[in-house]
């Protein structure tokens, strides 16, 4: 069986920036083992599998890291939408049926807008082991989003976020009395080009640092909208690759996340 395979850089308009994702567009489902093997072979933070349904413009969508399936992936969704809009369908709106419910994507010129559930975090007690694992010795506040499983640490300034040098082994050894999907660190921006900066670490699922994370911004969007009293924001995720996300928090329960994408390559995988 020959399957089309794409690699897309999401949340950027430049090659080798943003967050790379694998994308497979399927006519029918694959076995669970094959999904995971393809994702492991791609060896990207996520590979997205969009499976056609009997209804036009509606796809089942799943995302796999090299090690596990995840319930929500922003850059994988953006990448799948980019491939579908450009190579598979003559329309500017799509519906994805996922483990996180129904997600929508709309193409508007150079950007694709995703409609995701909002996951506002609440402040919690501080886990001091985070500071040790992050090699960070300044005050911070800690928040948690139960629906997404993200812990969010608010640091004092942007340079603190940029300078972090985490010990991922120590992070993975930490014990929690709650489910953790990933760790976000964030601060208000000093740059007029964007409102806040962040980085996202997911060593518990085989990704030490995720380059640009759409799902973490379902947490960061409502968090910063309240703090800086803005509904529309520009976010910068400050990994080595870096990427920009355009956020609209006008709704109380949903967030719109927009970004650009570029194709790195497409090919055939024989399975």
C-alpha atoms as a PDB file:
ATOM      1  CA  UNK A   1       0.000   0.000   0.000  1.00  0.00           C
ATOM      2  CA  UNK A   2       1.338   3.424  -0.983  1.00  0.00           C
ATOM      3  CA  UNK A   3       0.425   6.422   1.175  1.00  0.00           C
ATOM      4  CA  UNK A   4       1.069  10.069   0.446  1.00  0.00           C
ATOM      5  CA  UNK A   5       3.198  11.695   3.144  1.00  0.00           C
ATOM      6  CA  UNK A   6       3.859  15.402   3.635  1.00  0.00           C
ATOM      7  CA  UNK A   7       6.070  17.411   5.951  1.00  0.00           C
ATOM      8  CA  UNK A   8       4.773  20.873   6.774  1.00  0.00           C
ATOM      9  CA  UNK A   9       6.345  23.664   8.837  1.00  0.00           C
ATOM     10  CA  UNK A  10       3.470  25.234  10.796  1.00  0.00           C
ATOM     11  CA  UNK A  11       3.062  28.667  12.388  1.00  0.00           C
ATOM     12  CA  UNK A  12       5.667  30.189  10.072  1.00  0.00           C
ATOM     13  CA  UNK A  13       6.073  31.392   6.504  1.00  0.00           C
ATOM     14  CA  UNK A  14       9.724  30.337   6.310  1.00  0.00           C
ATOM     15  CA  UNK A  15      11.191  26.911   5.674  1.00  0.00           C
ATOM     16  CA  UNK A  16      12.910  25.256   8.638  1.00  0.00           C
ATOM     17  CA  UNK A  17      11.142  27.521  11.153  1.00  0.00           C
ATOM     18  CA  UNK A  18       7.934  26.966  13.113  1.00  0.00           C
ATOM     19  CA  UNK A  19       6.916  23.434  14.059  1.00  0.00           C
ATOM     20  CA  UNK A  20       7.325  20.552  11.583  1.00  0.00           C
ATOM     21  CA  UNK A  21       4.534  17.997  11.333  1.00  0.00           C
ATOM     22  CA  UNK A  22       3.994  14.918   9.248  1.00  0.00           C
ATOM     23  CA  UNK A  23       0.653  14.637   7.448  1.00  0.00           C
ATOM     24  CA  UNK A  24      -1.034  11.581   5.919  1.00  0.00           C
ATOM     25  CA  UNK A  25      -4.367  11.966   4.115  1.00  0.00           C
ATOM     26  CA  UNK A  26      -6.187   8.617   4.124  1.00  0.00           C
ATOM     27  CA  UNK A  27      -9.198   7.130   2.390  1.00  0.00           C
ATOM     28  CA  UNK A  28      -9.723   4.631   5.225  1.00  0.00           C
ATOM     29  CA  UNK A  29      -8.321   4.043   8.727  1.00  0.00           C
ATOM     30  CA  UNK A  30      -5.041   2.238   9.379  1.00  0.00           C
ATOM     31  CA  UNK A  31      -4.208  -0.166  12.196  1.00  0.00           C
ATOM     32  CA  UNK A  32      -3.164   1.323  15.525  1.00  0.00           C
ATOM     33  CA  UNK A  33       0.300  -0.182  15.139  1.00  0.00           C
ATOM     34  CA  UNK A  34       0.747   1.340  11.692  1.00  0.00           C
ATOM     35  CA  UNK A  35      -0.274   4.813  12.860  1.00  0.00           C
ATOM     36  CA  UNK A  36       2.349   4.640  15.597  1.00  0.00           C
ATOM     37  CA  UNK A  37       5.043   3.151  13.357  1.00  0.00           C
ATOM     38  CA  UNK A  38       4.631   5.875  10.736  1.00  0.00           C
ATOM     39  CA  UNK A  39       4.812   8.571  13.423  1.00  0.00           C
ATOM     40  CA  UNK A  40       7.946   6.967  14.875  1.00  0.00           C
ATOM     41  CA  UNK A  41       9.500   6.800  11.399  1.00  0.00           C
ATOM     42  CA  UNK A  42       8.739  10.474  10.743  1.00  0.00           C
ATOM     43  CA  UNK A  43      10.285  11.223  14.166  1.00  0.00           C
ATOM     44  CA  UNK A  44       8.603  14.631  14.413  1.00  0.00           C
ATOM     45  CA  UNK A  45       6.814  15.998  17.446  1.00  0.00           C
ATOM     46  CA  UNK A  46       3.521  14.936  15.809  1.00  0.00           C
ATOM     47  CA  UNK A  47       2.260  13.253  12.666  1.00  0.00           C
ATOM     48  CA  UNK A  48      -1.371  13.950  11.750  1.00  0.00           C
ATOM     49  CA  UNK A  49      -3.649  11.428  10.048  1.00  0.00           C
ATOM     50  CA  UNK A  50      -6.742  12.854   8.342  1.00  0.00           C
ATOM     51  CA  UNK A  51      -9.218  10.149   7.307  1.00  0.00           C
ATOM     52  CA  UNK A  52     -11.903  10.994   4.750  1.00  0.00           C
ATOM     53  CA  UNK A  53     -15.545  10.442   5.744  1.00  0.00           C
ATOM     54  CA  UNK A  54     -18.691  10.061   3.664  1.00  0.00           C
ATOM     55  CA  UNK A  55     -19.424  13.777   4.163  1.00  0.00           C
ATOM     56  CA  UNK A  56     -17.618  16.355   2.047  1.00  0.00           C
ATOM     57  CA  UNK A  57     -15.289  18.623   4.010  1.00  0.00           C
ATOM     58  CA  UNK A  58     -15.402  16.437   7.144  1.00  0.00           C
ATOM     59  CA  UNK A  59     -12.403  14.344   8.217  1.00  0.00           C
ATOM     60  CA  UNK A  60     -11.543  12.191  11.208  1.00  0.00           C
ATOM     61  CA  UNK A  61      -8.244  13.482  12.582  1.00  0.00           C
ATOM     62  CA  UNK A  62      -5.702  11.821  14.893  1.00  0.00           C
ATOM     63  CA  UNK A  63      -2.241  12.888  16.047  1.00  0.00           C
ATOM     64  CA  UNK A  64       0.686  10.721  17.134  1.00  0.00           C
ATOM     65  CA  UNK A  65       4.056  11.592  18.625  1.00  0.00           C
ATOM     66  CA  UNK A  66       6.871   9.070  18.018  1.00  0.00           C
ATOM     67  CA  UNK A  67       5.729   7.366  21.231  1.00  0.00           C
ATOM     68  CA  UNK A  68       2.002   7.978  21.917  1.00  0.00           C
ATOM     69  CA  UNK A  69      -1.277   9.282  20.545  1.00  0.00           C
ATOM     70  CA  UNK A  70      -2.256  12.741  21.849  1.00  0.00           C
ATOM     71  CA  UNK A  71      -5.787  14.168  22.257  1.00  0.00           C
ATOM     72  CA  UNK A  72      -5.083  17.585  20.726  1.00  0.00           C
ATOM     73  CA  UNK A  73      -2.388  19.057  18.491  1.00  0.00           C
ATOM     74  CA  UNK A  74      -2.561  22.567  17.083  1.00  0.00           C
ATOM     75  CA  UNK A  75       0.308  22.520  14.622  1.00  0.00           C
ATOM     76  CA  UNK A  76      -0.697  19.059  13.384  1.00  0.00           C
ATOM     77  CA  UNK A  77      -4.216  20.346  12.728  1.00  0.00           C
ATOM     78  CA  UNK A  78      -2.898  23.442  10.942  1.00  0.00           C
ATOM     79  CA  UNK A  79      -0.594  21.245   8.837  1.00  0.00           C
ATOM     80  CA  UNK A  80      -3.362  18.796   7.907  1.00  0.00           C
ATOM     81  CA  UNK A  81      -5.640  21.684   6.954  1.00  0.00           C
ATOM     82  CA  UNK A  82      -2.863  23.224   4.845  1.00  0.00           C
ATOM     83  CA  UNK A  83      -2.390  19.983   2.888  1.00  0.00           C
ATOM     84  CA  UNK A  84      -6.129  19.492   2.389  1.00  0.00           C
ATOM     85  CA  UNK A  85      -6.728  23.080   1.280  1.00  0.00           C
ATOM     86  CA  UNK A  86      -3.824  23.001  -1.171  1.00  0.00           C
ATOM     87  CA  UNK A  87      -3.863  19.430  -2.529  1.00  0.00           C
ATOM     88  CA  UNK A  88      -7.149  17.690  -1.855  1.00  0.00           C
ATOM     89  CA  UNK A  89     -10.216  19.912  -1.798  1.00  0.00           C
ATOM     90  CA  UNK A  90     -11.576  23.038  -3.440  1.00  0.00           C
ATOM     91  CA  UNK A  91     -13.090  24.719  -0.394  1.00  0.00           C
ATOM     92  CA  UNK A  92     -12.018  27.126   2.339  1.00  0.00           C
ATOM     93  CA  UNK A  93     -13.544  25.461   5.411  1.00  0.00           C
ATOM     94  CA  UNK A  94     -13.108  22.038   6.984  1.00  0.00           C
ATOM     95  CA  UNK A  95     -14.441  20.114   9.988  1.00  0.00           C
ATOM     96  CA  UNK A  96     -12.251  17.668  11.909  1.00  0.00           C
ATOM     97  CA  UNK A  97     -13.728  15.038  14.228  1.00  0.00           C
ATOM     98  CA  UNK A  98     -11.191  14.372  16.981  1.00  0.00           C
ATOM     99  CA  UNK A  99     -10.769  13.051  20.529  1.00  0.00           C
ATOM    100  CA  UNK A 100     -11.085  16.681  21.657  1.00  0.00           C
ATOM    101  CA  UNK A 101     -14.410  17.123  19.888  1.00  0.00           C
ATOM    102  CA  UNK A 102     -15.211  18.883  16.652  1.00  0.00           C
ATOM    103  CA  UNK A 103     -12.543  21.292  15.394  1.00  0.00           C
ATOM    104  CA  UNK A 104     -12.924  23.697  12.480  1.00  0.00           C
ATOM    105  CA  UNK A 105     -10.380  25.156  10.084  1.00  0.00           C
ATOM    106  CA  UNK A 106     -10.861  28.058   7.713  1.00  0.00           C
ATOM    107  CA  UNK A 107      -8.496  29.274   5.018  1.00  0.00           C
ATOM    108  CA  UNK A 108      -8.220  33.057   4.671  1.00  0.00           C
ATOM    109  CA  UNK A 109      -5.550  34.122   2.179  1.00  0.00           C
ATOM    110  CA  UNK A 110      -2.145  33.207   3.657  1.00  0.00           C
ATOM    111  CA  UNK A 111      -3.417  32.209   7.117  1.00  0.00           C
ATOM    112  CA  UNK A 112      -5.411  29.249   8.376  1.00  0.00           C
ATOM    113  CA  UNK A 113      -7.669  29.800  11.379  1.00  0.00           C
ATOM    114  CA  UNK A 114      -8.412  26.947  13.794  1.00  0.00           C
ATOM    115  CA  UNK A 115     -11.410  26.946  16.133  1.00  0.00           C
ATOM    116  CA  UNK A 116     -10.410  25.144  19.343  1.00  0.00           C
ATOM    117  CA  UNK A 117     -11.853  24.693  22.838  1.00  0.00           C
ATOM    118  CA  UNK A 118     -10.536  27.201  25.366  1.00  0.00           C
ATOM    119  CA  UNK A 119      -8.674  25.765  28.400  1.00  0.00           C
ATOM    120  CA  UNK A 120      -8.323  28.551  30.952  1.00  0.00           C
ATOM    121  CA  UNK A 121      -5.890  27.619  33.768  1.00  0.00           C
ATOM    122  CA  UNK A 122      -6.352  28.249  37.484  1.00  0.00           C
ATOM    123  CA  UNK A 123      -3.645  29.233  39.966  1.00  0.00           C
ATOM    124  CA  UNK A 124      -2.331  26.377  42.120  1.00  0.00           C
ATOM    125  CA  UNK A 125       0.294  25.744  44.761  1.00  0.00           C
ATOM    126  CA  UNK A 126       3.879  25.988  43.543  1.00  0.00           C
ATOM    127  CA  UNK A 127       5.842  22.792  42.911  1.00  0.00           C
ATOM    128  CA  UNK A 128       9.348  23.899  43.843  1.00  0.00           C
ATOM    129  CA  UNK A 129      10.914  20.963  41.981  1.00  0.00           C
ATOM    130  CA  UNK A 130      10.064  22.745  38.738  1.00  0.00           C
ATOM    131  CA  UNK A 131      12.574  25.453  39.631  1.00  0.00           C
ATOM    132  CA  UNK A 132      15.263  22.828  40.228  1.00  0.00           C
ATOM    133  CA  UNK A 133      14.555  20.972  36.970  1.00  0.00           C
ATOM    134  CA  UNK A 134      14.444  24.233  35.003  1.00  0.00           C
ATOM    135  CA  UNK A 135      17.599  25.655  36.628  1.00  0.00           C
ATOM    136  CA  UNK A 136      15.537  28.708  37.570  1.00  0.00           C
ATOM    137  CA  UNK A 137      16.094  30.646  40.810  1.00  0.00           C
ATOM    138  CA  UNK A 138      13.619  33.537  40.613  1.00  0.00           C
ATOM    139  CA  UNK A 139       9.996  33.776  41.838  1.00  0.00           C
ATOM    140  CA  UNK A 140       7.219  32.397  39.657  1.00  0.00           C
ATOM    141  CA  UNK A 141       3.507  31.611  39.812  1.00  0.00           C
ATOM    142  CA  UNK A 142       2.019  28.255  38.860  1.00  0.00           C
ATOM    143  CA  UNK A 143      -1.251  27.504  37.078  1.00  0.00           C
ATOM    144  CA  UNK A 144      -2.936  24.315  35.873  1.00  0.00           C
ATOM    145  CA  UNK A 145      -5.480  23.524  33.160  1.00  0.00           C
ATOM    146  CA  UNK A 146      -7.234  20.276  34.054  1.00  0.00           C
ATOM    147  CA  UNK A 147      -8.859  19.783  30.636  1.00  0.00           C
ATOM    148  CA  UNK A 148      -5.578  20.081  28.729  1.00  0.00           C
ATOM    149  CA  UNK A 149      -3.174  18.720  31.345  1.00  0.00           C
ATOM    150  CA  UNK A 150      -0.850  21.706  30.929  1.00  0.00           C
ATOM    151  CA  UNK A 151       0.994  23.263  33.859  1.00  0.00           C
ATOM    152  CA  UNK A 152       1.788  26.926  33.193  1.00  0.00           C
ATOM    153  CA  UNK A 153       4.526  28.853  34.995  1.00  0.00           C
ATOM    154  CA  UNK A 154       4.415  32.635  34.874  1.00  0.00           C
ATOM    155  CA  UNK A 155       7.973  33.985  35.003  1.00  0.00           C
ATOM    156  CA  UNK A 156       9.038  37.538  35.803  1.00  0.00           C
ATOM    157  CA  UNK A 157      10.252  38.644  32.375  1.00  0.00           C
ATOM    158  CA  UNK A 158      10.771  37.572  28.775  1.00  0.00           C
ATOM    159  CA  UNK A 159      14.515  37.041  29.178  1.00  0.00           C
ATOM    160  CA  UNK A 160      13.802  34.451  31.880  1.00  0.00           C
ATOM    161  CA  UNK A 161      11.802  32.394  29.387  1.00  0.00           C
ATOM    162  CA  UNK A 162      14.499  32.683  26.723  1.00  0.00           C
ATOM    163  CA  UNK A 163      17.343  31.754  29.085  1.00  0.00           C
ATOM    164  CA  UNK A 164      15.874  28.558  30.579  1.00  0.00           C
ATOM    165  CA  UNK A 165      18.012  25.445  30.215  1.00  0.00           C
ATOM    166  CA  UNK A 166      15.820  22.581  31.496  1.00  0.00           C
ATOM    167  CA  UNK A 167      17.069  19.261  32.806  1.00  0.00           C
ATOM    168  CA  UNK A 168      14.569  17.018  31.036  1.00  0.00           C
ATOM    169  CA  UNK A 169      15.625  13.918  32.944  1.00  0.00           C
ATOM    170  CA  UNK A 170      14.738  15.676  36.211  1.00  0.00           C
ATOM    171  CA  UNK A 171      11.401  16.822  34.782  1.00  0.00           C
ATOM    172  CA  UNK A 172      10.499  13.265  33.824  1.00  0.00           C
ATOM    173  CA  UNK A 173      11.333  12.018  37.328  1.00  0.00           C
ATOM    174  CA  UNK A 174       8.874  14.401  39.005  1.00  0.00           C
ATOM    175  CA  UNK A 175       5.791  12.854  40.613  1.00  0.00           C
ATOM    176  CA  UNK A 176       2.411  14.583  40.420  1.00  0.00           C
ATOM    177  CA  UNK A 177      -0.962  14.038  42.044  1.00  0.00           C
ATOM    178  CA  UNK A 178      -2.615  15.165  38.797  1.00  0.00           C
ATOM    179  CA  UNK A 179      -2.354  14.301  35.104  1.00  0.00           C
ATOM    180  CA  UNK A 180       0.331  16.294  33.303  1.00  0.00           C
ATOM    181  CA  UNK A 181       0.563  16.592  29.525  1.00  0.00           C
ATOM    182  CA  UNK A 182       3.132  19.364  29.251  1.00  0.00           C
ATOM    183  CA  UNK A 183       4.813  22.318  30.926  1.00  0.00           C
ATOM    184  CA  UNK A 184       4.439  25.890  29.628  1.00  0.00           C
ATOM    185  CA  UNK A 185       6.659  28.770  30.706  1.00  0.00           C
ATOM    186  CA  UNK A 186       5.529  32.262  29.776  1.00  0.00           C
ATOM    187  CA  UNK A 187       6.077  35.982  30.365  1.00  0.00           C
ATOM    188  CA  UNK A 188       4.814  39.289  29.047  1.00  0.00           C
ATOM    189  CA  UNK A 189       6.733  40.485  26.008  1.00  0.00           C
ATOM    190  CA  UNK A 190       9.100  43.424  25.892  1.00  0.00           C
ATOM    191  CA  UNK A 191       8.785  43.472  22.102  1.00  0.00           C
ATOM    192  CA  UNK A 192       6.038  45.539  20.499  1.00  0.00           C
ATOM    193  CA  UNK A 193       5.701  42.902  17.751  1.00  0.00           C
ATOM    194  CA  UNK A 194       3.912  40.437  20.064  1.00  0.00           C
ATOM    195  CA  UNK A 195       2.066  40.428  23.385  1.00  0.00           C
ATOM    196  CA  UNK A 196       3.622  37.505  25.227  1.00  0.00           C
ATOM    197  CA  UNK A 197       6.286  34.857  24.835  1.00  0.00           C
ATOM    198  CA  UNK A 198       6.301  31.183  25.813  1.00  0.00           C
ATOM    199  CA  UNK A 199       8.062  27.854  25.541  1.00  0.00           C
ATOM    200  CA  UNK A 200       6.528  24.374  25.909  1.00  0.00           C
ATOM    201  CA  UNK A 201       8.171  21.206  27.239  1.00  0.00           C
ATOM    202  CA  UNK A 202       6.576  17.748  26.879  1.00  0.00           C
ATOM    203  CA  UNK A 203       9.220  15.187  27.965  1.00  0.00           C
ATOM    204  CA  UNK A 204       6.490  12.941  29.438  1.00  0.00           C
ATOM    205  CA  UNK A 205       5.339  12.210  25.878  1.00  0.00           C
ATOM    206  CA  UNK A 206       8.720  11.989  24.175  1.00  0.00           C
ATOM    207  CA  UNK A 207       9.109  15.666  23.174  1.00  0.00           C
ATOM    208  CA  UNK A 208      11.638  17.625  25.206  1.00  0.00           C
ATOM    209  CA  UNK A 209      10.797  21.024  23.724  1.00  0.00           C
ATOM    210  CA  UNK A 210       7.966  21.436  21.254  1.00  0.00           C
ATOM    211  CA  UNK A 211       8.905  24.156  18.727  1.00  0.00           C
ATOM    212  CA  UNK A 212       5.484  25.849  18.381  1.00  0.00           C
ATOM    213  CA  UNK A 213       2.443  24.482  20.205  1.00  0.00           C
ATOM    214  CA  UNK A 214      -1.112  25.327  19.202  1.00  0.00           C
ATOM    215  CA  UNK A 215      -2.665  23.345  22.065  1.00  0.00           C
ATOM    216  CA  UNK A 216      -0.675  25.248  24.718  1.00  0.00           C
ATOM    217  CA  UNK A 217      -2.192  28.465  23.393  1.00  0.00           C
ATOM    218  CA  UNK A 218      -5.674  27.216  24.258  1.00  0.00           C
ATOM    219  CA  UNK A 219      -4.345  27.750  27.792  1.00  0.00           C
ATOM    220  CA  UNK A 220      -2.200  30.834  27.173  1.00  0.00           C
ATOM    221  CA  UNK A 221      -4.847  32.693  25.181  1.00  0.00           C
ATOM    222  CA  UNK A 222      -7.461  33.064  27.952  1.00  0.00           C
ATOM    223  CA  UNK A 223      -4.704  33.440  30.564  1.00  0.00           C
ATOM    224  CA  UNK A 224      -3.125  36.477  28.872  1.00  0.00           C
ATOM    225  CA  UNK A 225      -6.436  37.894  27.596  1.00  0.00           C
ATOM    226  CA  UNK A 226      -7.458  38.377  31.221  1.00  0.00           C
ATOM    227  CA  UNK A 227      -4.068  39.647  32.391  1.00  0.00           C
ATOM    228  CA  UNK A 228      -3.512  42.288  29.701  1.00  0.00           C
ATOM    229  CA  UNK A 229      -7.210  42.899  28.953  1.00  0.00           C
ATOM    230  CA  UNK A 230      -6.986  42.147  25.234  1.00  0.00           C
ATOM    231  CA  UNK A 231      -9.148  39.790  23.171  1.00  0.00           C
ATOM    232  CA  UNK A 232      -6.904  39.696  20.095  1.00  0.00           C
ATOM    233  CA  UNK A 233      -3.206  38.984  20.642  1.00  0.00           C
ATOM    234  CA  UNK A 234      -0.034  37.970  18.856  1.00  0.00           C
ATOM    235  CA  UNK A 235       2.024  35.273  20.592  1.00  0.00           C
ATOM    236  CA  UNK A 236       5.614  34.235  19.972  1.00  0.00           C
ATOM    237  CA  UNK A 237       6.849  30.779  20.973  1.00  0.00           C
ATOM    238  CA  UNK A 238      10.572  31.191  21.572  1.00  0.00           C
ATOM    239  CA  UNK A 239      12.036  27.802  20.712  1.00  0.00           C
ATOM    240  CA  UNK A 240      15.123  27.601  18.507  1.00  0.00           C
ATOM    241  CA  UNK A 241      12.839  27.409  15.472  1.00  0.00           C
ATOM    242  CA  UNK A 242      10.310  29.953  16.742  1.00  0.00           C
ATOM    243  CA  UNK A 243       6.825  30.727  15.486  1.00  0.00           C
ATOM    244  CA  UNK A 244       3.950  33.213  15.643  1.00  0.00           C
ATOM    245  CA  UNK A 245       0.330  32.560  16.567  1.00  0.00           C
ATOM    246  CA  UNK A 246      -2.551  35.012  16.165  1.00  0.00           C
ATOM    247  CA  UNK A 247      -5.167  34.564  18.882  1.00  0.00           C
ATOM    248  CA  UNK A 248      -8.804  35.645  19.120  1.00  0.00           C
ATOM    249  CA  UNK A 249     -10.391  35.155  22.553  1.00  0.00           C
ATOM    250  CA  UNK A 250     -13.663  36.978  21.847  1.00  0.00           C
ATOM    251  CA  UNK A 251     -15.670  33.875  22.784  1.00  0.00           C
ATOM    252  CA  UNK A 252     -15.976  32.635  26.372  1.00  0.00           C
ATOM    253  CA  UNK A 253     -15.484  28.951  25.509  1.00  0.00           C
ATOM    254  CA  UNK A 254     -13.676  28.817  22.160  1.00  0.00           C
ATOM    255  CA  UNK A 255     -10.399  30.283  20.917  1.00  0.00           C
ATOM    256  CA  UNK A 256      -9.421  31.006  17.334  1.00  0.00           C
ATOM    257  CA  UNK A 257      -5.762  30.348  16.576  1.00  0.00           C
ATOM    258  CA  UNK A 258      -4.400  31.511  13.229  1.00  0.00           C
ATOM    259  CA  UNK A 259      -1.065  30.874  11.576  1.00  0.00           C
ATOM    260  CA  UNK A 260       0.790  30.344   8.338  1.00  0.00           C
ATOM    261  CA  UNK A 261       2.455  27.201   7.008  1.00  0.00           C
ATOM    262  CA  UNK A 262       4.873  26.065   4.295  1.00  0.00           C
ATOM    263  CA  UNK A 263       5.438  22.680   2.667  1.00  0.00           C
ATOM    264  CA  UNK A 264       8.876  21.115   3.119  1.00  0.00           C
ATOM    265  CA  UNK A 265       8.300  18.018   0.991  1.00  0.00           C
ATOM    266  CA  UNK A 266       5.774  15.439  -0.147  1.00  0.00           C
ATOM    267  CA  UNK A 267       6.391  11.823  -1.069  1.00  0.00           C
ATOM    268  CA  UNK A 268       5.186   8.241  -0.880  1.00  0.00           C
ATOM    269  CA  UNK A 269       5.530   5.851   2.023  1.00  0.00           C
ATOM    270  CA  UNK A 270       5.149   2.141   1.178  1.00  0.00           C
ATOM    271  CA  UNK A 271       3.607   0.059   3.944  1.00  0.00           C
END
